[in-house]
């Protein structure tokens, strides 16, 4: 088992689309099988994997406590649980 977590900050040239650079970097990481973010969970910046998304939906079925986490929907969910 090997875990290597590192942080990098990037300075881009004026006029470079930062969102596109990030998207391309994430495509490269995805192609390598990387899991991210490794340290602080997905928050609102990254898409939650299927299992994690299901976990979030299970523990907060009405989407009340942290809407939008894991790039999930931000609106309230209707459920038959309560």
Protein backbone atom coordinates (compact mmCIF):
# COMPACT_ATOMS: atom_id res chain seq x y z
CA UNK A 1 0.00 0.00 0.00
CA UNK A 2 1.28 3.44 -0.85
CA UNK A 3 -0.38 6.79 -0.27
CA UNK A 4 1.17 9.99 -1.54
CA UNK A 5 -0.75 13.19 -0.91
CA UNK A 6 0.68 16.46 -2.11
CA UNK A 7 -0.62 19.95 -2.74
CA UNK A 8 0.33 22.08 -5.69
CA UNK A 9 -0.63 25.61 -6.58
CA UNK A 10 -0.52 26.80 -10.17
CA UNK A 11 0.05 30.21 -11.68
CA UNK A 12 -1.43 30.52 -15.15
CA UNK A 13 -0.61 33.01 -17.84
CA UNK A 14 -3.05 35.83 -18.34
CA UNK A 15 -5.87 34.77 -20.62
CA UNK A 16 -5.59 31.04 -19.87
CA UNK A 17 -8.90 29.43 -18.92
CA UNK A 18 -8.28 28.07 -15.41
CA UNK A 19 -11.43 25.92 -15.48
CA UNK A 20 -10.29 24.23 -18.69
CA UNK A 21 -6.79 23.63 -17.29
CA UNK A 22 -8.30 22.03 -14.18
CA UNK A 23 -10.68 19.91 -16.27
CA UNK A 24 -7.78 18.65 -18.41
CA UNK A 25 -5.70 17.87 -15.33
CA UNK A 26 -8.60 15.90 -13.84
CA UNK A 27 -9.01 13.99 -17.13
CA UNK A 28 -5.34 12.99 -16.92
CA UNK A 29 -5.71 11.92 -13.29
CA UNK A 30 -8.86 9.94 -14.16
CA UNK A 31 -7.02 8.14 -16.97
CA UNK A 32 -4.39 7.08 -14.43
CA UNK A 33 -6.98 5.80 -11.96
CA UNK A 34 -6.25 8.50 -9.39
CA UNK A 35 -8.68 9.23 -6.57
CA UNK A 36 -9.08 12.83 -5.55
CA UNK A 37 -9.14 14.72 -3.45
CA UNK A 38 -7.30 12.27 -1.27
CA UNK A 39 -7.25 14.24 1.95
CA UNK A 40 -10.28 16.48 2.45
CA UNK A 41 -13.11 14.58 0.79
CA UNK A 42 -14.93 15.90 -2.25
CA UNK A 43 -16.68 18.95 -0.79
CA UNK A 44 -18.36 21.02 -3.47
CA UNK A 45 -15.36 21.07 -5.80
CA UNK A 46 -15.30 17.48 -7.05
CA UNK A 47 -17.86 14.96 -8.25
CA UNK A 48 -18.52 12.20 -5.73
CA UNK A 49 -18.06 8.65 -7.00
CA UNK A 50 -21.19 6.53 -7.22
CA UNK A 51 -20.74 4.82 -3.85
CA UNK A 52 -20.01 8.06 -2.02
CA UNK A 53 -22.95 9.81 -3.72
CA UNK A 54 -25.25 6.97 -2.62
CA UNK A 55 -23.90 7.30 0.93
CA UNK A 56 -24.61 11.05 0.98
CA UNK A 57 -28.13 10.46 -0.34
CA UNK A 58 -28.75 7.72 2.22
CA UNK A 59 -27.66 9.77 5.25
CA UNK A 60 -29.42 12.95 4.05
CA UNK A 61 -32.40 11.78 1.98
CA UNK A 62 -34.01 15.22 1.82
CA UNK A 63 -30.74 16.97 0.88
CA UNK A 64 -31.06 19.36 3.81
CA UNK A 65 -27.67 19.41 5.51
CA UNK A 66 -25.14 20.01 2.73
CA UNK A 67 -26.90 20.46 -0.61
CA UNK A 68 -24.57 20.30 -3.58
CA UNK A 69 -21.84 18.27 -1.87
CA UNK A 70 -20.03 16.02 -4.32
CA UNK A 71 -21.50 18.00 -7.23
CA UNK A 72 -24.89 16.46 -6.43
CA UNK A 73 -28.11 18.41 -6.87
CA UNK A 74 -28.61 21.49 -4.74
CA UNK A 75 -32.40 21.33 -4.51
CA UNK A 76 -34.29 19.46 -1.80
CA UNK A 77 -35.19 15.87 -2.52
CA UNK A 78 -38.63 14.54 -1.76
CA UNK A 79 -38.58 11.16 -0.13
CA UNK A 80 -40.95 8.76 1.54
CA UNK A 81 -38.65 8.34 4.53
CA UNK A 82 -40.03 11.11 6.75
